[in-house]
C-alpha atoms as a PDB file:
ATOM      1  CA  MET A   1      78.460 144.041  91.066  1.00  0.00           C
ATOM      2  CA  THR A   2      79.984 141.604  93.535  1.00  0.00           C
ATOM      3  CA  ASP A   3      83.711 141.438  94.181  1.00  0.00           C
ATOM      4  CA  ARG A   4      85.717 138.651  92.599  1.00  0.00           C
ATOM      5  CA  ILE A   5      86.103 135.613  94.873  1.00  0.00           C
ATOM      6  CA  ASN A   6      89.443 135.405  96.630  1.00  0.00           C
ATOM      7  CA  PRO A   7      91.140 132.170  95.418  1.00  0.00           C
ATOM      8  CA  HIS A   8      93.157 132.035  98.649  1.00  0.00           C
ATOM      9  CA  SER A   9      90.118 132.130 100.939  1.00  0.00           C
ATOM     10  CA  PRO A  10      90.663 130.019 104.092  1.00  0.00           C
ATOM     11  CA  SER A  11      87.093 128.677 103.779  1.00  0.00           C
ATOM     12  CA  CYS A  12      88.096 126.502 100.827  1.00  0.00           C
ATOM     13  CA  PRO A  13      91.002 124.061 100.427  1.00  0.00           C
ATOM     14  CA  PRO A  14      93.607 125.175  97.882  1.00  0.00           C
ATOM     15  CA  TRP A  15      93.312 122.072  95.712  1.00  0.00           C
ATOM     16  CA  LEU A  16      90.591 120.616  93.506  1.00  0.00           C
ATOM     17  CA  VAL A  17      91.048 117.252  91.789  1.00  0.00           C
ATOM     18  CA  TYR A  18      88.876 117.415  88.679  1.00  0.00           C
ATOM     19  CA  GLY A  19      88.218 113.966  87.257  1.00  0.00           C
ATOM     20  CA  LEU A  20      88.678 110.797  89.301  1.00  0.00           C
ATOM     21  CA  GLY A  21      90.100 108.465  86.731  1.00  0.00           C
ATOM     22  CA  ARG A  22      93.431 106.754  87.176  1.00  0.00           C
ATOM     23  CA  SER A  23      95.430 109.989  87.206  1.00  0.00           C
ATOM     24  CA  GLY A  24      92.918 111.764  89.447  1.00  0.00           C
ATOM     25  CA  ARG A  25      93.071 109.026  92.049  1.00  0.00           C
ATOM     26  CA  GLY A  26      96.868 109.208  91.903  1.00  0.00           C
ATOM     27  CA  ALA A  27      96.749 112.978  92.429  1.00  0.00           C
ATOM     28  CA  ALA A  28      94.388 112.590  95.375  1.00  0.00           C
ATOM     29  CA  ARG A  29      96.592 109.960  97.029  1.00  0.00           C
ATOM     30  CA  PHE A  30      99.665 112.129  96.489  1.00  0.00           C
ATOM     31  CA  LEU A  31      98.081 115.253  97.998  1.00  0.00           C
ATOM     32  CA  ALA A  32      96.793 113.314 100.982  1.00  0.00           C
ATOM     33  CA  ALA A  33     100.281 111.905 101.585  1.00  0.00           C
ATOM     34  CA  GLN A  34     101.585 115.482 101.746  1.00  0.00           C
ATOM     35  CA  GLY A  35      98.997 116.345 104.401  1.00  0.00           C
ATOM     36  CA  GLU A  36      97.075 118.517 101.938  1.00  0.00           C
ATOM     37  CA  GLN A  37      93.327 118.975 101.908  1.00  0.00           C
ATOM     38  CA  ALA A  38      91.471 118.864  98.613  1.00  0.00           C
ATOM     39  CA  HIS A  39      88.035 118.701  97.087  1.00  0.00           C
ATOM     40  CA  TRP A  40      87.089 116.590  94.098  1.00  0.00           C
ATOM     41  CA  LEU A  41      84.675 116.768  91.188  1.00  0.00           C
ATOM     42  CA  ASP A  42      83.638 114.065  88.759  1.00  0.00           C
ATOM     43  CA  ALA A  43      80.475 113.835  86.685  1.00  0.00           C
ATOM     44  CA  ARG A  44      80.356 110.033  86.937  1.00  0.00           C
ATOM     45  CA  PRO A  45      82.419 108.835  89.902  1.00  0.00           C
ATOM     46  CA  GLN A  46      82.835 105.087  90.184  1.00  0.00           C
ATOM     47  CA  PRO A  47      82.260 103.250  93.489  1.00  0.00           C
ATOM     48  CA  GLU A  48      86.024 102.818  93.981  1.00  0.00           C
ATOM     49  CA  ASP A  49      86.474 106.574  93.477  1.00  0.00           C
ATOM     50  CA  LEU A  50      83.945 107.388  96.176  1.00  0.00           C
ATOM     51  CA  THR A  51      85.502 104.875  98.533  1.00  0.00           C
ATOM     52  CA  LEU A  52      88.959 106.386  98.071  1.00  0.00           C
ATOM     53  CA  MET A  53      87.707 109.964  98.557  1.00  0.00           C
ATOM     54  CA  GLU A  54      85.978 108.926 101.768  1.00  0.00           C
ATOM     55  CA  GLN A  55      89.138 107.206 102.996  1.00  0.00           C
ATOM     56  CA  LEU A  56      91.196 110.329 102.249  1.00  0.00           C
ATOM     57  CA  GLY A  57      88.651 112.657 103.823  1.00  0.00           C
ATOM     58  CA  PHE A  58      88.210 114.634 100.594  1.00  0.00           C
ATOM     59  CA  GLN A  59      84.795 116.180  99.975  1.00  0.00           C
ATOM     60  CA  ARG A  60      82.942 116.880  96.752  1.00  0.00           C
ATOM     61  CA  GLY A  61      83.635 120.422  95.593  1.00  0.00           C
ATOM     62  CA  GLY A  62      81.880 122.880  93.324  1.00  0.00           C
ATOM     63  CA  VAL A  63      82.729 124.911  90.263  1.00  0.00           C
ATOM     64  CA  ALA A  64      81.869 128.176  92.014  1.00  0.00           C
ATOM     65  CA  ARG A  65      84.278 127.521  94.888  1.00  0.00           C
ATOM     66  CA  PRO A  66      87.552 129.502  95.073  1.00  0.00           C
ATOM     67  CA  TYR A  67      90.433 127.068  94.545  1.00  0.00           C
ATOM     68  CA  ARG A  68      94.070 128.004  94.081  1.00  0.00           C
ATOM     69  CA  THR A  69      94.999 125.055  91.862  1.00  0.00           C
ATOM     70  CA  VAL A  70      92.900 122.596  89.890  1.00  0.00           C
ATOM     71  CA  ILE A  71      94.513 119.306  88.869  1.00  0.00           C
ATOM     72  CA  ALA A  72      92.525 118.265  85.829  1.00  0.00           C
ATOM     73  CA  ALA A  73      92.446 114.741  84.459  1.00  0.00           C
ATOM     74  CA  PRO A  74      93.945 114.359  80.971  1.00  0.00           C
ATOM     75  CA  GLY A  75      90.620 113.318  79.501  1.00  0.00           C
ATOM     76  CA  VAL A  76      88.965 116.643  80.380  1.00  0.00           C
ATOM     77  CA  PRO A  77      89.250 119.087  77.446  1.00  0.00           C
ATOM     78  CA  ILE A  78      91.159 122.281  78.181  1.00  0.00           C
ATOM     79  CA  ASP A  79      88.113 124.333  77.122  1.00  0.00           C
ATOM     80  CA  HIS A  80      85.629 122.438  79.301  1.00  0.00           C
ATOM     81  CA  PRO A  81      83.093 124.948  80.701  1.00  0.00           C
ATOM     82  CA  ASP A  82      83.781 123.890  84.294  1.00  0.00           C
ATOM     83  CA  LEU A  83      87.508 124.498  83.914  1.00  0.00           C
ATOM     84  CA  LEU A  84      86.905 127.872  82.290  1.00  0.00           C
ATOM     85  CA  ALA A  85      84.626 128.843  85.184  1.00  0.00           C
ATOM     86  CA  LEU A  86      87.189 127.733  87.764  1.00  0.00           C
ATOM     87  CA  GLN A  87      89.888 129.651  85.927  1.00  0.00           C
ATOM     88  CA  ALA A  88      87.698 132.751  85.877  1.00  0.00           C
ATOM     89  CA  ASN A  89      87.473 132.479  89.682  1.00  0.00           C
ATOM     90  CA  GLY A  90      91.253 132.636  89.933  1.00  0.00           C
ATOM     91  CA  ALA A  91      92.276 128.974  89.821  1.00  0.00           C
ATOM     92  CA  GLU A  92      95.323 127.742  87.967  1.00  0.00           C
ATOM     93  CA  ILE A  93      94.602 124.647  85.867  1.00  0.00           C
ATOM     94  CA  ILE A  94      97.420 122.086  85.709  1.00  0.00           C
ATOM     95  CA  GLY A  95      97.820 118.344  85.248  1.00  0.00           C
ATOM     96  CA  GLU A  96      99.439 115.568  87.238  1.00  0.00           C
ATOM     97  CA  VAL A  97     102.781 115.955  85.439  1.00  0.00           C
ATOM     98  CA  ALA A  98     103.154 119.626  86.339  1.00  0.00           C
ATOM     99  CA  LEU A  99     102.181 118.823  89.932  1.00  0.00           C
ATOM    100  CA  ALA A 100     104.838 116.112  90.163  1.00  0.00           C
ATOM    101  CA  ALA A 101     107.500 118.406  88.722  1.00  0.00           C
ATOM    102  CA  ARG A 102     106.679 121.192  91.165  1.00  0.00           C
ATOM    103  CA  MET A 103     106.396 119.058  94.265  1.00  0.00           C
ATOM    104  CA  ARG A 104     109.346 116.766  93.502  1.00  0.00           C
ATOM    105  CA  PRO A 105     111.907 118.900  91.619  1.00  0.00           C
ATOM    106  CA  GLU A 106     114.700 116.566  92.720  1.00  0.00           C
ATOM    107  CA  VAL A 107     113.283 113.736  90.571  1.00  0.00           C
ATOM    108  CA  THR A 108     114.603 113.730  87.005  1.00  0.00           C
ATOM    109  CA  LEU A 109     111.821 113.375  84.440  1.00  0.00           C
ATOM    110  CA  VAL A 110     112.490 111.556  81.180  1.00  0.00           C
ATOM    111  CA  GLY A 111     109.546 112.331  78.904  1.00  0.00           C
ATOM    112  CA  VAL A 112     108.443 110.058  76.067  1.00  0.00           C
ATOM    113  CA  THR A 113     105.720 110.922  73.579  1.00  0.00           C
ATOM    114  CA  GLY A 114     104.675 110.067  70.036  1.00  0.00           C
ATOM    115  CA  THR A 115     101.722 108.809  68.067  1.00  0.00           C
ATOM    116  CA  ALA A 116     102.887 105.205  68.321  1.00  0.00           C
ATOM    117  CA  GLY A 117     105.513 103.313  70.274  1.00  0.00           C
ATOM    118  CA  LYS A 118     105.692 105.583  73.297  1.00  0.00           C
ATOM    119  CA  GLY A 119     104.533 102.941  75.780  1.00  0.00           C
ATOM    120  CA  GLY A 120     107.092 100.364  74.721  1.00  0.00           C
ATOM    121  CA  THR A 121     109.812 103.004  74.533  1.00  0.00           C
ATOM    122  CA  THR A 122     108.976 104.179  78.049  1.00  0.00           C
ATOM    123  CA  THR A 123     109.124 100.659  79.480  1.00  0.00           C
ATOM    124  CA  LEU A 124     112.324  99.771  77.641  1.00  0.00           C
ATOM    125  CA  THR A 125     114.043 102.996  78.688  1.00  0.00           C
ATOM    126  CA  ALA A 126     113.235 102.396  82.346  1.00  0.00           C
ATOM    127  CA  GLN A 127     114.424  98.787  82.119  1.00  0.00           C
ATOM    128  CA  LEU A 128     117.713  99.859  80.505  1.00  0.00           C
ATOM    129  CA  LEU A 129     118.258 102.503  83.168  1.00  0.00           C
ATOM    130  CA  ARG A 130     117.657  99.979  85.961  1.00  0.00           C
ATOM    131  CA  ALA A 131     120.049  97.543  84.275  1.00  0.00           C
ATOM    132  CA  ALA A 132     122.643 100.318  84.321  1.00  0.00           C
ATOM    133  CA  GLY A 133     122.167 100.808  88.063  1.00  0.00           C
ATOM    134  CA  VAL A 134     119.908 103.874  87.881  1.00  0.00           C
ATOM    135  CA  ASP A 135     117.047 104.134  90.363  1.00  0.00           C
ATOM    136  CA  ALA A 136     114.343 104.470  87.699  1.00  0.00           C
ATOM    137  CA  LEU A 137     110.644 103.675  87.401  1.00  0.00           C
ATOM    138  CA  GLU A 138     108.153 104.127  84.569  1.00  0.00           C
ATOM    139  CA  GLY A 139     104.650 105.549  84.709  1.00  0.00           C
ATOM    140  CA  GLY A 140     102.409 108.338  83.500  1.00  0.00           C
ATOM    141  CA  ASN A 141     100.030 107.523  80.676  1.00  0.00           C
ATOM    142  CA  ILE A 142     100.842 103.874  81.349  1.00  0.00           C
ATOM    143  CA  ASP A 143     100.326 102.314  84.766  1.00  0.00           C
ATOM    144  CA  PRO A 144     101.104 103.399  87.354  1.00  0.00           C
ATOM    145  CA  PRO A 145     100.252 107.130  87.429  1.00  0.00           C
ATOM    146  CA  LEU A 146     103.303 109.389  87.678  1.00  0.00           C
ATOM    147  CA  LEU A 147     102.322 110.634  91.142  1.00  0.00           C
ATOM    148  CA  ASP A 148     102.348 107.055  92.415  1.00  0.00           C
ATOM    149  CA  ILE A 149     106.055 106.621  91.585  1.00  0.00           C
ATOM    150  CA  VAL A 150     107.781 109.982  92.162  1.00  0.00           C
ATOM    151  CA  ASP A 151     108.463 109.192  95.816  1.00  0.00           C
ATOM    152  CA  ARG A 152     110.020 105.829  94.944  1.00  0.00           C
ATOM    153  CA  CYS A 153     112.672 106.717  92.370  1.00  0.00           C
ATOM    154  CA  GLU A 154     115.363 109.178  91.371  1.00  0.00           C
ATOM    155  CA  VAL A 155     114.447 109.070  87.674  1.00  0.00           C
ATOM    156  CA  ALA A 156     110.865 108.816  86.409  1.00  0.00           C
ATOM    157  CA  VAL A 157     110.433 107.752  82.792  1.00  0.00           C
ATOM    158  CA  VAL A 158     107.068 109.221  81.831  1.00  0.00           C
ATOM    159  CA  GLU A 159     104.851 108.210  78.944  1.00  0.00           C
ATOM    160  CA  LEU A 160     103.059 111.393  77.865  1.00  0.00           C
ATOM    161  CA  SER A 161      99.892 111.637  75.825  1.00  0.00           C
ATOM    162  CA  SER A 162      98.938 114.762  73.894  1.00  0.00           C
ATOM    163  CA  PHE A 163      96.200 115.310  76.490  1.00  0.00           C
ATOM    164  CA  GLN A 164      98.743 115.336  79.319  1.00  0.00           C
ATOM    165  CA  LEU A 165     101.131 117.586  77.425  1.00  0.00           C
ATOM    166  CA  GLU A 166      98.445 120.263  77.103  1.00  0.00           C
ATOM    167  CA  ARG A 167      98.828 120.832  80.850  1.00  0.00           C
ATOM    168  CA  THR A 168     102.555 120.436  81.490  1.00  0.00           C
ATOM    169  CA  ALA A 169     102.959 124.228  81.864  1.00  0.00           C
ATOM    170  CA  GLY A 170     106.588 124.386  80.767  1.00  0.00           C
ATOM    171  CA  THR A 171     107.644 121.350  82.789  1.00  0.00           C
ATOM    172  CA  ARG A 172     111.287 120.527  82.190  1.00  0.00           C
ATOM    173  CA  PHE A 173     112.176 117.124  80.781  1.00  0.00           C
ATOM    174  CA  PRO A 174     116.013 117.020  80.741  1.00  0.00           C
ATOM    175  CA  VAL A 175     115.618 114.104  78.347  1.00  0.00           C
ATOM    176  CA  ALA A 176     112.681 114.238  75.928  1.00  0.00           C
ATOM    177  CA  VAL A 177     111.866 111.565  73.356  1.00  0.00           C
ATOM    178  CA  ILE A 178     109.530 111.896  70.370  1.00  0.00           C
ATOM    179  CA  THR A 179     109.049 108.492  68.768  1.00  0.00           C
ATOM    180  CA  ASN A 180     107.061 109.764  65.767  1.00  0.00           C
ATOM    181  CA  LEU A 181     104.261 112.170  64.861  1.00  0.00           C
ATOM    182  CA  GLY A 182     101.274 110.896  62.934  1.00  0.00           C
ATOM    183  CA  VAL A 183      97.540 111.556  63.070  1.00  0.00           C
ATOM    184  CA  ASP A 184      95.394 110.847  66.114  1.00  0.00           C
ATOM    185  CA  HIS A 185      92.861 112.358  68.533  1.00  0.00           C
ATOM    186  CA  LEU A 186      91.377 114.777  66.022  1.00  0.00           C
ATOM    187  CA  ASP A 187      88.108 114.593  67.968  1.00  0.00           C
ATOM    188  CA  ARG A 188      89.957 116.489  70.704  1.00  0.00           C
ATOM    189  CA  HIS A 189      92.564 118.574  68.840  1.00  0.00           C
ATOM    190  CA  LEU A 190      90.457 119.114  65.671  1.00  0.00           C
ATOM    191  CA  THR A 191      93.436 119.518  63.302  1.00  0.00           C
ATOM    192  CA  VAL A 192      96.704 117.686  62.743  1.00  0.00           C
ATOM    193  CA  PRO A 193      98.809 120.825  63.418  1.00  0.00           C
ATOM    194  CA  GLU A 194      97.048 121.317  66.773  1.00  0.00           C
ATOM    195  CA  TYR A 195      97.661 117.683  67.670  1.00  0.00           C
ATOM    196  CA  HIS A 196     101.346 118.000  66.777  1.00  0.00           C
ATOM    197  CA  ALA A 197     101.581 121.281  68.698  1.00  0.00           C
ATOM    198  CA  ALA A 198     100.325 119.506  71.816  1.00  0.00           C
ATOM    199  CA  LYS A 199     102.963 116.805  71.396  1.00  0.00           C
ATOM    200  CA  LEU A 200     105.731 119.375  70.951  1.00  0.00           C
ATOM    201  CA  HIS A 201     105.034 120.841  74.401  1.00  0.00           C
ATOM    202  CA  ILE A 202     107.426 118.152  75.627  1.00  0.00           C
ATOM    203  CA  MET A 203     110.230 120.510  74.543  1.00  0.00           C
ATOM    204  CA  ASP A 204     108.916 123.719  76.100  1.00  0.00           C
ATOM    205  CA  GLY A 205     110.813 123.502  79.373  1.00  0.00           C
ATOM    206  CA  GLN A 206     114.110 122.196  78.021  1.00  0.00           C
ATOM    207  CA  GLN A 207     117.281 124.095  78.876  1.00  0.00           C
ATOM    208  CA  PRO A 208     120.730 124.342  77.270  1.00  0.00           C
ATOM    209  CA  GLY A 209     122.445 120.976  77.490  1.00  0.00           C
ATOM    210  CA  ASP A 210     119.222 118.966  77.694  1.00  0.00           C
ATOM    211  CA  VAL A 211     118.678 116.076  75.304  1.00  0.00           C
ATOM    212  CA  LEU A 212     115.976 115.699  72.651  1.00  0.00           C
ATOM    213  CA  VAL A 213     115.704 112.342  70.894  1.00  0.00           C
ATOM    214  CA  LEU A 214     114.027 112.526  67.488  1.00  0.00           C
ATOM    215  CA  PRO A 215     112.934 110.100  64.784  1.00  0.00           C
ATOM    216  CA  PRO A 216     114.286 110.530  61.239  1.00  0.00           C
ATOM    217  CA  LEU A 217     113.421 113.947  59.847  1.00  0.00           C
ATOM    218  CA  GLU A 218     111.249 112.464  57.108  1.00  0.00           C
ATOM    219  CA  ALA A 219     108.989 111.061  59.845  1.00  0.00           C
ATOM    220  CA  LEU A 220     108.364 114.658  60.949  1.00  0.00           C
ATOM    221  CA  ALA A 221     107.459 115.995  57.526  1.00  0.00           C
ATOM    222  CA  GLY A 222     105.041 118.910  57.758  1.00  0.00           C
ATOM    223  CA  VAL A 223     105.792 119.640  61.421  1.00  0.00           C
ATOM    224  CA  ILE A 224     106.780 123.223  62.175  1.00  0.00           C
ATOM    225  CA  TRP A 225     109.512 123.257  64.812  1.00  0.00           C
ATOM    226  CA  ARG A 226     109.243 125.986  67.429  1.00  0.00           C
ATOM    227  CA  HIS A 227     112.252 124.940  69.452  1.00  0.00           C
ATOM    228  CA  SER A 228     115.618 126.660  69.516  1.00  0.00           C
ATOM    229  CA  GLY A 229     118.631 126.861  71.798  1.00  0.00           C
ATOM    230  CA  ASN A 230     121.400 124.532  72.810  1.00  0.00           C
ATOM    231  CA  THR A 231     119.404 121.332  73.196  1.00  0.00           C
ATOM    232  CA  ARG A 232     121.387 118.290  72.120  1.00  0.00           C
ATOM    233  CA  ALA A 233     119.292 116.512  69.509  1.00  0.00           C
ATOM    234  CA  HIS A 234     120.001 112.855  68.802  1.00  0.00           C
ATOM    235  CA  GLY A 235     118.571 111.132  65.777  1.00  0.00           C
ATOM    236  CA  ILE A 236     119.213 110.188  62.195  1.00  0.00           C
ATOM    237  CA  SER A 237     118.658 113.763  61.071  1.00  0.00           C
ATOM    238  CA  CYS A 238     117.665 116.997  62.691  1.00  0.00           C
ATOM    239  CA  PRO A 239     115.884 120.286  61.863  1.00  0.00           C
ATOM    240  CA  ALA A 240     118.305 123.135  61.199  1.00  0.00           C
ATOM    241  CA  ARG A 241     117.047 125.234  64.102  1.00  0.00           C
ATOM    242  CA  LEU A 242     118.220 122.578  66.538  1.00  0.00           C
ATOM    243  CA  ARG A 243     121.899 122.461  67.298  1.00  0.00           C
ATOM    244  CA  TRP A 244     123.059 119.034  66.154  1.00  0.00           C
ATOM    245  CA  ARG A 245     125.449 117.045  68.244  1.00  0.00           C
ATOM    246  CA  ALA A 246     126.179 113.458  67.333  1.00  0.00           C
ATOM    247  CA  ALA A 247     125.481 110.893  70.015  1.00  0.00           C
ATOM    248  CA  PRO A 248     128.672 109.588  71.637  1.00  0.00           C
ATOM    249  CA  PRO A 249     129.834 106.186  70.390  1.00  0.00           C
ATOM    250  CA  CYS A 250     128.674 103.191  72.392  1.00  0.00           C
END
């Protein structure tokens, strides 16, 4: 039996960008700007992807290589065989949001998710913050990718899909917004409860005093809340396990 591959081997860069869509290109640009070396993998790279990788000096990688961290595109299922193989070799699998939070902890992340309305809510929130004098930009699931804006703002308002939230790894959103929870992406999540569970990851990293903005409770019918603590929840109504605190008057 051969020994397990060392994920910190100097013969392999620590990073692999898996999937060169919009978020993958953003991750590659961000890593290159930090002076980091990375490999990339994509089953169907587009000509613009190949051009960018050549410009950055990033080479095509391999599933059997020992990487420390794999930044997987949101569209790649969490149980994809390649990701499972990379994980078995010692790699940690994260997404662009977790990378941004780790590399730029000084940037405040305002997370927005929901089955519908999250894009408009994200844009409006960022516009209101800028009107109030806050150095804020929007990105994430909407253009531009989060990693393209974190070096240009103090507050990043992030639209978050259920795919992205599967890989946030306890990322803290001091302000988290859930617009609503309906039914979507069952081809990926298989059941409605699993889809809702992915959405609710937006709360996983919240700390006492953080803010959670909810829709009316009847819009969340059937959702099992796993969150507890001293989060301030603002909405028309609120699950009993969340400590309710009325929003201050305008």
